[in-house]
Protein backbone atom coordinates (compact mmCIF):
# COMPACT_ATOMS: atom_id res chain seq x y z
CA MET A 1 -2.26 1.51 -15.19
CA SER A 2 -4.17 1.25 -18.42
CA SER A 3 -7.80 0.26 -18.62
CA PRO A 4 -8.81 -2.92 -20.50
CA ARG A 5 -10.15 -0.75 -23.32
CA ASP A 6 -6.83 0.95 -24.07
CA ASP A 7 -5.13 -0.06 -27.30
CA ALA A 8 -1.69 0.10 -25.65
CA PRO A 9 0.32 -3.14 -25.50
CA HIS A 10 0.30 -5.04 -22.23
CA THR A 11 2.79 -3.74 -19.67
CA GLY A 12 3.95 -5.41 -16.49
CA TYR A 13 4.47 -3.70 -13.16
CA PHE A 14 6.67 -3.81 -10.07
CA LYS A 15 5.44 -5.24 -6.77
CA ASP A 16 7.28 -6.38 -3.67
CA GLY A 17 10.68 -5.64 -5.24
CA ALA A 18 10.09 -7.69 -8.40
CA HIS A 19 8.75 -7.14 -11.89
CA ARG A 20 5.52 -8.99 -12.67
CA PHE A 21 4.31 -9.70 -16.21
CA ALA A 22 1.02 -11.52 -16.89
CA VAL A 23 0.79 -14.07 -19.70
CA ARG A 24 -2.16 -16.12 -20.94
CA VAL A 25 -1.49 -19.55 -22.46
CA TYR A 26 -2.92 -19.76 -25.96
CA PHE A 27 -3.34 -22.77 -28.22
CA GLU A 28 -0.20 -21.79 -30.17
CA ASP A 29 1.84 -22.08 -26.95
CA THR A 30 0.95 -25.73 -26.39
CA ASP A 31 2.11 -29.02 -27.83
CA LEU A 32 0.00 -31.96 -28.96
CA THR A 33 -0.80 -32.86 -25.34
CA GLY A 34 -2.16 -29.40 -24.48
CA ILE A 35 0.83 -28.58 -22.28
CA VAL A 36 3.02 -25.51 -22.89
CA TYR A 37 5.92 -26.48 -25.14
CA HIS A 38 9.18 -26.09 -23.21
CA ALA A 39 10.71 -23.41 -25.46
CA ASN A 40 7.68 -21.15 -25.06
CA TYR A 41 8.57 -20.51 -21.42
CA LEU A 42 11.68 -18.78 -22.80
CA ARG A 43 9.44 -16.55 -24.93
CA PHE A 44 7.34 -15.64 -21.90
CA MET A 45 10.49 -14.80 -19.92
CA GLU A 46 12.00 -12.77 -22.78
CA ARG A 47 8.89 -10.60 -22.96
CA ALA A 48 8.98 -10.07 -19.20
CA ARG A 49 12.71 -9.18 -19.21
CA SER A 50 12.29 -6.71 -22.06
CA ASP A 51 9.32 -5.10 -20.31
CA MET A 52 11.21 -4.86 -17.01
CA LEU A 53 14.17 -3.16 -18.70
CA ARG A 54 11.93 -0.72 -20.56
CA LEU A 55 10.05 0.23 -17.38
CA ALA A 56 13.40 0.72 -15.59
CA GLY A 57 14.47 3.25 -18.25
CA ILE A 58 16.87 1.00 -20.16
CA ASP A 59 16.38 1.83 -23.84
CA GLN A 60 17.71 -1.22 -25.69
CA ARG A 61 16.21 -0.03 -28.96
CA ALA A 62 18.13 3.27 -28.97
CA VAL A 63 21.46 1.56 -28.29
CA HIS A 64 20.82 -1.00 -31.02
CA ALA A 65 19.58 1.63 -33.50
CA GLY A 66 22.70 3.70 -32.78
CA GLY A 67 24.87 0.76 -33.81
CA GLU A 68 26.29 0.53 -30.30
CA GLY A 69 25.31 -3.07 -29.57
CA ALA A 70 22.57 -5.18 -28.09
CA TYR A 71 21.88 -7.56 -25.24
CA ALA A 72 22.47 -11.23 -25.93
CA VAL A 73 21.66 -14.13 -23.66
CA VAL A 74 25.05 -15.69 -22.89
CA ALA A 75 24.01 -18.16 -20.20
CA LEU A 76 20.76 -19.77 -19.19
CA ALA A 77 19.89 -22.27 -16.49
CA ILE A 78 16.27 -23.37 -16.44
CA ARG A 79 14.27 -25.84 -14.39
CA TYR A 80 10.81 -27.04 -15.31
CA ARG A 81 8.78 -27.97 -12.22
CA ASN A 82 5.11 -28.16 -13.27
CA PRO A 83 3.32 -27.87 -16.61
CA ALA A 84 1.16 -24.98 -17.75
CA ARG A 85 -1.88 -25.74 -19.87
CA LEU A 86 -4.14 -24.07 -22.40
CA ASP A 87 -5.87 -20.93 -21.05
CA ASP A 88 -3.81 -20.80 -17.83
CA ALA A 89 -3.20 -17.31 -16.46
CA LEU A 90 0.51 -17.07 -15.63
CA VAL A 91 2.77 -14.43 -14.15
CA VAL A 92 6.48 -14.12 -14.91
CA VAL A 93 8.27 -12.72 -11.85
CA SER A 94 11.70 -11.21 -12.56
CA GLY A 95 14.43 -9.68 -10.46
CA ILE A 96 18.08 -8.67 -10.73
CA ALA A 97 20.43 -11.19 -9.08
CA ASP A 98 23.81 -9.73 -10.10
CA ILE A 99 25.24 -6.79 -12.01
CA ARG A 100 28.57 -6.91 -13.83
CA ALA A 101 30.38 -4.44 -16.09
CA ALA A 102 29.09 -5.96 -19.34
CA SER A 103 26.22 -8.13 -18.11
CA CYS A 104 23.44 -8.68 -15.64
CA VAL A 105 21.96 -11.82 -14.15
CA ILE A 106 18.18 -11.97 -13.98
CA GLN A 107 16.26 -14.54 -11.97
CA GLN A 108 12.83 -15.41 -13.32
CA ARG A 109 9.94 -17.61 -12.24
CA VAL A 110 6.84 -18.50 -14.21
CA MET A 111 3.99 -18.84 -11.73
CA ARG A 112 0.39 -20.04 -11.79
CA GLY A 113 -1.02 -18.61 -8.61
CA GLN A 114 1.45 -19.60 -5.89
CA ALA A 115 2.84 -22.57 -7.84
CA ILE A 116 6.25 -22.22 -9.48
CA LEU A 117 6.06 -23.80 -12.91
CA THR A 118 9.47 -22.85 -14.27
CA GLU A 119 12.46 -21.01 -12.83
CA ALA A 120 15.50 -19.69 -14.63
CA GLU A 121 18.65 -17.69 -14.20
CA VAL A 122 19.48 -15.69 -17.31
CA THR A 123 22.73 -13.84 -17.98
CA ALA A 124 22.37 -11.11 -20.59
CA ALA A 125 25.50 -9.36 -21.84
CA LEU A 126 25.79 -6.18 -23.85
CA VAL A 127 27.74 -7.03 -26.99
CA SER A 128 29.04 -4.94 -29.87
CA PRO A 129 27.76 -5.48 -33.42
CA GLU A 130 30.85 -7.71 -33.83
CA GLY A 131 29.86 -9.78 -30.80
CA ARG A 132 32.45 -8.50 -28.32
CA PRO A 133 31.41 -7.68 -24.74
CA LEU A 134 30.80 -3.98 -24.02
CA ARG A 135 30.53 -2.13 -20.73
CA GLN A 136 26.92 -1.31 -20.01
CA PRO A 137 26.07 2.40 -19.97
CA ARG A 138 26.44 3.83 -16.46
CA HIS A 139 22.76 4.78 -16.25
CA TRP A 140 21.82 1.17 -17.06
CA VAL A 141 24.01 -0.13 -14.24
CA ASP A 142 22.47 2.47 -11.92
CA ALA A 143 18.96 1.35 -12.97
CA PHE A 144 19.87 -2.28 -12.25
CA LYS A 145 21.22 -1.34 -8.84
CA ARG A 146 17.99 0.49 -8.03
CA LEU A 147 15.94 -2.54 -9.08
CA GLN A 148 18.16 -4.87 -7.07
CA ALA A 149 17.74 -2.67 -4.01
CA GLY A 150 13.95 -2.66 -4.42
CA ASP A 151 13.86 1.00 -5.48
CA ILE A 152 11.46 0.36 -8.29
CA PRO A 153 9.68 2.64 -10.75
CA THR A 154 6.00 3.28 -10.08
CA ASP A 155 3.09 4.48 -12.18
CA GLU A 156 2.21 7.10 -9.60
């Protein structure tokens, strides 16, 4: 884990079989009423998903830079339960629900303490530069299976 004085970007961690990513609600995240604007929950979840994949050893950047494709969200179901407000400390909890040849399904919850604020099921598919589905690299599928089984990477 990094100390608060490190200049490294914030990184989440794995605990109890799930990825956890802390988020603070800033003024820019809220609407006129001081409540988090609905689309910003998607931004919080995207950051958490990307961090989870990176920590699991899935190098999206290399695949994209190599012209081989990129992940695209192809399905999303979201439920808003309770609002988050300015300066709230939130945690996005993510886990792998299903693994398919070209896609994975990730379940995510945005939490404030023990309260679930938002929950979503996100299907991300690997697609070619032309937008056609591609089989995920074998080591990515293996990484997803490890995460799904609770065999998570550690800092130790």
